[in-house]
C-alpha atoms as a PDB file:
ATOM      1  CA  UNK A   1     115.610  84.262  85.805  1.00  0.00           C
ATOM      2  CA  UNK A   2     111.820  84.516  83.926  1.00  0.00           C
ATOM      3  CA  UNK A   3     109.000  85.519  82.696  1.00  0.00           C
ATOM      4  CA  UNK A   4     107.362  85.150  86.396  1.00  0.00           C
ATOM      5  CA  UNK A   5     110.611  87.799  87.947  1.00  0.00           C
ATOM      6  CA  UNK A   6     110.144  90.254  85.608  1.00  0.00           C
ATOM      7  CA  UNK A   7     106.332  90.652  85.783  1.00  0.00           C
ATOM      8  CA  UNK A   8     106.076  91.191  89.796  1.00  0.00           C
ATOM      9  CA  UNK A   9     109.787  93.521  89.481  1.00  0.00           C
ATOM     10  CA  UNK A  10     107.227  95.606  87.013  1.00  0.00           C
ATOM     11  CA  UNK A  11     104.730  95.216  89.823  1.00  0.00           C
ATOM     12  CA  UNK A  12     106.817  95.646  92.604  1.00  0.00           C
ATOM     13  CA  UNK A  13     108.587  98.841  90.851  1.00  0.00           C
ATOM     14  CA  UNK A  14     104.638  99.836  89.181  1.00  0.00           C
ATOM     15  CA  UNK A  15     104.086 100.080  93.208  1.00  0.00           C
ATOM     16  CA  UNK A  16     106.454 101.857  94.260  1.00  0.00           C
ATOM     17  CA  UNK A  17     106.006 104.474  92.223  1.00  0.00           C
ATOM     18  CA  UNK A  18     102.019 105.361  93.148  1.00  0.00           C
ATOM     19  CA  UNK A  19     102.773 104.361  96.701  1.00  0.00           C
ATOM     20  CA  UNK A  20     105.925 106.129  97.297  1.00  0.00           C
ATOM     21  CA  UNK A  21     105.464 108.893  94.612  1.00  0.00           C
ATOM     22  CA  UNK A  22     102.269 109.720  95.584  1.00  0.00           C
ATOM     23  CA  UNK A  23     102.915 110.175  99.576  1.00  0.00           C
ATOM     24  CA  UNK A  24     106.517 112.013  98.756  1.00  0.00           C
ATOM     25  CA  UNK A  25     105.051 116.187  98.444  1.00  0.00           C
ATOM     26  CA  UNK A  26     102.600 114.821 100.923  1.00  0.00           C
ATOM     27  CA  UNK A  27     104.130 117.531 103.760  1.00  0.00           C
ATOM     28  CA  UNK A  28     104.413 120.561 100.430  1.00  0.00           C
ATOM     29  CA  UNK A  29     100.436 119.677  99.992  1.00  0.00           C
ATOM     30  CA  UNK A  30     100.073 120.190 104.275  1.00  0.00           C
ATOM     31  CA  UNK A  31     101.925 123.320 103.636  1.00  0.00           C
ATOM     32  CA  UNK A  32     100.250 124.787 100.768  1.00  0.00           C
ATOM     33  CA  UNK A  33      96.714 123.559 102.451  1.00  0.00           C
ATOM     34  CA  UNK A  34      97.027 125.824 105.271  1.00  0.00           C
ATOM     35  CA  UNK A  35      97.777 129.283 102.878  1.00  0.00           C
ATOM     36  CA  UNK A  36      94.421 128.390 101.524  1.00  0.00           C
ATOM     37  CA  UNK A  37      92.448 129.081 104.944  1.00  0.00           C
ATOM     38  CA  UNK A  38      88.636 127.751 104.780  1.00  0.00           C
ATOM     39  CA  UNK A  39      89.026 126.216 101.675  1.00  0.00           C
ATOM     40  CA  UNK A  40      92.250 123.861 103.641  1.00  0.00           C
ATOM     41  CA  UNK A  41      89.908 121.374 104.187  1.00  0.00           C
ATOM     42  CA  UNK A  42      88.652 120.448 100.653  1.00  0.00           C
ATOM     43  CA  UNK A  43      92.714 120.066 100.385  1.00  0.00           C
ATOM     44  CA  UNK A  44      92.594 118.455 102.601  1.00  0.00           C
ATOM     45  CA  UNK A  45      90.158 115.678 102.170  1.00  0.00           C
ATOM     46  CA  UNK A  46      90.997 115.020  98.519  1.00  0.00           C
ATOM     47  CA  UNK A  47      94.757 113.908  99.867  1.00  0.00           C
ATOM     48  CA  UNK A  48      93.696 111.686 102.495  1.00  0.00           C
ATOM     49  CA  UNK A  49      91.676 109.929 100.121  1.00  0.00           C
ATOM     50  CA  UNK A  50      94.593 109.533  97.451  1.00  0.00           C
ATOM     51  CA  UNK A  51      97.107 109.061 100.434  1.00  0.00           C
ATOM     52  CA  UNK A  52      94.608 106.176 101.005  1.00  0.00           C
ATOM     53  CA  UNK A  53      94.941 104.683  97.705  1.00  0.00           C
ATOM     54  CA  UNK A  54      98.915 105.343  97.348  1.00  0.00           C
ATOM     55  CA  UNK A  55      99.217 103.669 101.386  1.00  0.00           C
ATOM     56  CA  UNK A  56      97.652 100.542  99.763  1.00  0.00           C
ATOM     57  CA  UNK A  57     100.365 100.468  96.943  1.00  0.00           C
ATOM     58  CA  UNK A  58     103.537 100.426  99.610  1.00  0.00           C
ATOM     59  CA  UNK A  59     101.878  97.439 100.697  1.00  0.00           C
ATOM     60  CA  UNK A  60     101.632  95.903  97.872  1.00  0.00           C
ATOM     61  CA  UNK A  61     105.654  97.418  96.696  1.00  0.00           C
ATOM     62  CA  UNK A  62     106.372  94.892 100.064  1.00  0.00           C
ATOM     63  CA  UNK A  63     103.834  92.337  98.139  1.00  0.00           C
ATOM     64  CA  UNK A  64     106.273  92.037  94.984  1.00  0.00           C
ATOM     65  CA  UNK A  65     109.338  92.520  96.214  1.00  0.00           C
ATOM     66  CA  UNK A  66     109.079  89.474  98.461  1.00  0.00           C
ATOM     67  CA  UNK A  67     107.673  87.161  95.885  1.00  0.00           C
ATOM     68  CA  UNK A  68     110.518  88.914  93.309  1.00  0.00           C
ATOM     69  CA  UNK A  69     112.840  87.606  95.614  1.00  0.00           C
ATOM     70  CA  UNK A  70     111.356  84.374  96.187  1.00  0.00           C
ATOM     71  CA  UNK A  71     111.104  84.051  92.264  1.00  0.00           C
ATOM     72  CA  UNK A  72     114.680  85.202  91.754  1.00  0.00           C
ATOM     73  CA  UNK A  73     115.991  81.279  92.155  1.00  0.00           C
ATOM     74  CA  UNK A  74     118.926  82.558  94.708  1.00  0.00           C
ATOM     75  CA  UNK A  75     120.524  85.005  92.929  1.00  0.00           C
ATOM     76  CA  UNK A  76     118.492  86.973  95.789  1.00  0.00           C
ATOM     77  CA  UNK A  77     117.901  86.167  99.055  1.00  0.00           C
ATOM     78  CA  UNK A  78     116.299  87.116 102.645  1.00  0.00           C
ATOM     79  CA  UNK A  79     119.995  86.483 103.797  1.00  0.00           C
ATOM     80  CA  UNK A  80     121.989  89.087 101.736  1.00  0.00           C
ATOM     81  CA  UNK A  81     122.490  92.770 103.884  1.00  0.00           C
ATOM     82  CA  UNK A  82     120.732  95.571 101.205  1.00  0.00           C
ATOM     83  CA  UNK A  83     117.563  92.630 101.254  1.00  0.00           C
ATOM     84  CA  UNK A  84     117.809  92.689 105.417  1.00  0.00           C
ATOM     85  CA  UNK A  85     118.539  96.891 105.222  1.00  0.00           C
ATOM     86  CA  UNK A  86     115.625  97.475 103.332  1.00  0.00           C
ATOM     87  CA  UNK A  87     113.372  95.662 104.964  1.00  0.00           C
ATOM     88  CA  UNK A  88     114.596  97.074 107.840  1.00  0.00           C
ATOM     89  CA  UNK A  89     114.058 100.412 106.762  1.00  0.00           C
ATOM     90  CA  UNK A  90     110.385  99.504 104.967  1.00  0.00           C
ATOM     91  CA  UNK A  91     109.015  98.757 108.638  1.00  0.00           C
ATOM     92  CA  UNK A  92     110.765 102.447 110.017  1.00  0.00           C
ATOM     93  CA  UNK A  93     108.684 104.109 106.901  1.00  0.00           C
ATOM     94  CA  UNK A  94     105.932 102.918 107.754  1.00  0.00           C
ATOM     95  CA  UNK A  95     106.362 103.079 111.818  1.00  0.00           C
ATOM     96  CA  UNK A  96     106.655 106.655 110.941  1.00  0.00           C
ATOM     97  CA  UNK A  97     104.018 107.089 109.064  1.00  0.00           C
ATOM     98  CA  UNK A  98     101.222 105.242 111.896  1.00  0.00           C
ATOM     99  CA  UNK A  99     102.722 106.312 114.195  1.00  0.00           C
ATOM    100  CA  UNK A 100     103.658 109.561 114.048  1.00  0.00           C
ATOM    101  CA  UNK A 101     102.327 111.280 110.755  1.00  0.00           C
ATOM    102  CA  UNK A 102      98.660 109.025 110.771  1.00  0.00           C
ATOM    103  CA  UNK A 103      97.450 110.967 114.182  1.00  0.00           C
ATOM    104  CA  UNK A 104      99.226 113.549 113.696  1.00  0.00           C
ATOM    105  CA  UNK A 105      97.403 114.776 110.573  1.00  0.00           C
ATOM    106  CA  UNK A 106      93.974 112.453 111.648  1.00  0.00           C
ATOM    107  CA  UNK A 107      94.273 115.458 114.388  1.00  0.00           C
ATOM    108  CA  UNK A 108      95.571 118.407 112.119  1.00  0.00           C
ATOM    109  CA  UNK A 109      92.204 118.228 110.001  1.00  0.00           C
ATOM    110  CA  UNK A 110      90.083 118.085 112.644  1.00  0.00           C
ATOM    111  CA  UNK A 111      91.213 121.191 113.783  1.00  0.00           C
ATOM    112  CA  UNK A 112      90.929 122.622 110.229  1.00  0.00           C
ATOM    113  CA  UNK A 113      87.182 122.050 110.349  1.00  0.00           C
ATOM    114  CA  UNK A 114      87.109 123.209 113.438  1.00  0.00           C
ATOM    115  CA  UNK A 115      88.366 126.856 112.053  1.00  0.00           C
ATOM    116  CA  UNK A 116      86.690 127.287 108.937  1.00  0.00           C
ATOM    117  CA  UNK A 117      83.478 127.043 111.491  1.00  0.00           C
ATOM    118  CA  UNK A 118      85.235 129.594 113.568  1.00  0.00           C
ATOM    119  CA  UNK A 119      83.519 133.020 113.116  1.00  0.00           C
ATOM    120  CA  UNK A 120      85.819 136.251 112.037  1.00  0.00           C
ATOM    121  CA  UNK A 121      86.912 137.733 115.187  1.00  0.00           C
ATOM    122  CA  UNK A 122      88.677 140.404 116.025  1.00  0.00           C
ATOM    123  CA  UNK A 123      91.994 141.486 114.309  1.00  0.00           C
ATOM    124  CA  UNK A 124      94.708 141.362 117.484  1.00  0.00           C
ATOM    125  CA  UNK A 125      92.783 137.331 118.177  1.00  0.00           C
ATOM    126  CA  UNK A 126      94.049 134.175 117.734  1.00  0.00           C
ATOM    127  CA  UNK A 127      91.860 131.185 117.579  1.00  0.00           C
ATOM    128  CA  UNK A 128      93.259 127.919 120.130  1.00  0.00           C
ATOM    129  CA  UNK A 129      93.541 126.054 117.769  1.00  0.00           C
ATOM    130  CA  UNK A 130      95.891 128.356 115.655  1.00  0.00           C
ATOM    131  CA  UNK A 131      98.414 127.315 117.468  1.00  0.00           C
ATOM    132  CA  UNK A 132      97.617 123.688 117.579  1.00  0.00           C
ATOM    133  CA  UNK A 133      98.086 123.901 113.962  1.00  0.00           C
ATOM    134  CA  UNK A 134     101.446 125.596 113.627  1.00  0.00           C
ATOM    135  CA  UNK A 135     102.449 122.666 115.710  1.00  0.00           C
ATOM    136  CA  UNK A 136     100.990 119.757 113.602  1.00  0.00           C
ATOM    137  CA  UNK A 137     101.739 121.612 110.530  1.00  0.00           C
ATOM    138  CA  UNK A 138     105.758 120.858 112.012  1.00  0.00           C
ATOM    139  CA  UNK A 139     105.136 117.699 113.388  1.00  0.00           C
ATOM    140  CA  UNK A 140     104.153 116.663 110.186  1.00  0.00           C
ATOM    141  CA  UNK A 141     106.165 117.526 107.954  1.00  0.00           C
ATOM    142  CA  UNK A 142     109.244 116.689 109.334  1.00  0.00           C
ATOM    143  CA  UNK A 143     107.333 113.361 109.296  1.00  0.00           C
ATOM    144  CA  UNK A 144     106.889 113.312 105.496  1.00  0.00           C
ATOM    145  CA  UNK A 145     110.893 114.685 105.472  1.00  0.00           C
ATOM    146  CA  UNK A 146     111.778 111.295 107.884  1.00  0.00           C
ATOM    147  CA  UNK A 147     109.496 108.943 105.640  1.00  0.00           C
ATOM    148  CA  UNK A 148     111.479 110.659 102.530  1.00  0.00           C
ATOM    149  CA  UNK A 149     115.086 110.549 103.586  1.00  0.00           C
ATOM    150  CA  UNK A 150     114.445 107.051 104.472  1.00  0.00           C
ATOM    151  CA  UNK A 151     112.642 105.904 101.002  1.00  0.00           C
ATOM    152  CA  UNK A 152     115.575 107.410  98.956  1.00  0.00           C
ATOM    153  CA  UNK A 153     117.800 105.355 101.173  1.00  0.00           C
ATOM    154  CA  UNK A 154     116.252 102.025 100.625  1.00  0.00           C
ATOM    155  CA  UNK A 155     116.295 103.217  96.385  1.00  0.00           C
ATOM    156  CA  UNK A 156     119.686 103.382  96.906  1.00  0.00           C
ATOM    157  CA  UNK A 157     119.883  99.823  98.709  1.00  0.00           C
ATOM    158  CA  UNK A 158     117.741  98.626  95.716  1.00  0.00           C
ATOM    159  CA  UNK A 159     119.945  99.440  92.872  1.00  0.00           C
ATOM    160  CA  UNK A 160     123.628  99.156  94.529  1.00  0.00           C
ATOM    161  CA  UNK A 161     122.306  96.006  96.145  1.00  0.00           C
ATOM    162  CA  UNK A 162     125.143  96.347  98.717  1.00  0.00           C
ATOM    163  CA  UNK A 163     127.509  93.030  99.788  1.00  0.00           C
ATOM    164  CA  UNK A 164     125.175  91.311  96.785  1.00  0.00           C
END
């Protein structure tokens, strides 16, 4: 394996660190933002922008990882168990991201913005958006937790390469 392979692995790792690392604390960011009241909308908007960049990087991680396997001169192959498992788990993570987390985050941001415009009610009244936000926050946090666990399993597979 030569310089080209090493460059591809380096680019793969940069994308992994920036992409998955950039997403790793989104559940915590949501929890902390929810405590900021009306200011949470601004925090969520900034986090959404950072998340978009991180998502692009996780697609780059996939592309550079596939290219690195191709450039490994048959040292690593798509038929190896760890590669297949990592690819399958990558697909699971994308499913969690696009099927569970993203739709719930969009709805959460919409409700948070609506809530920020609600005039203050009496102390005993809760706007209906509050209960919906709580349910969405739980769903999103569970989604990010599962996403991060899958990432940890993929990191294990790539380091130890079982079946290689």
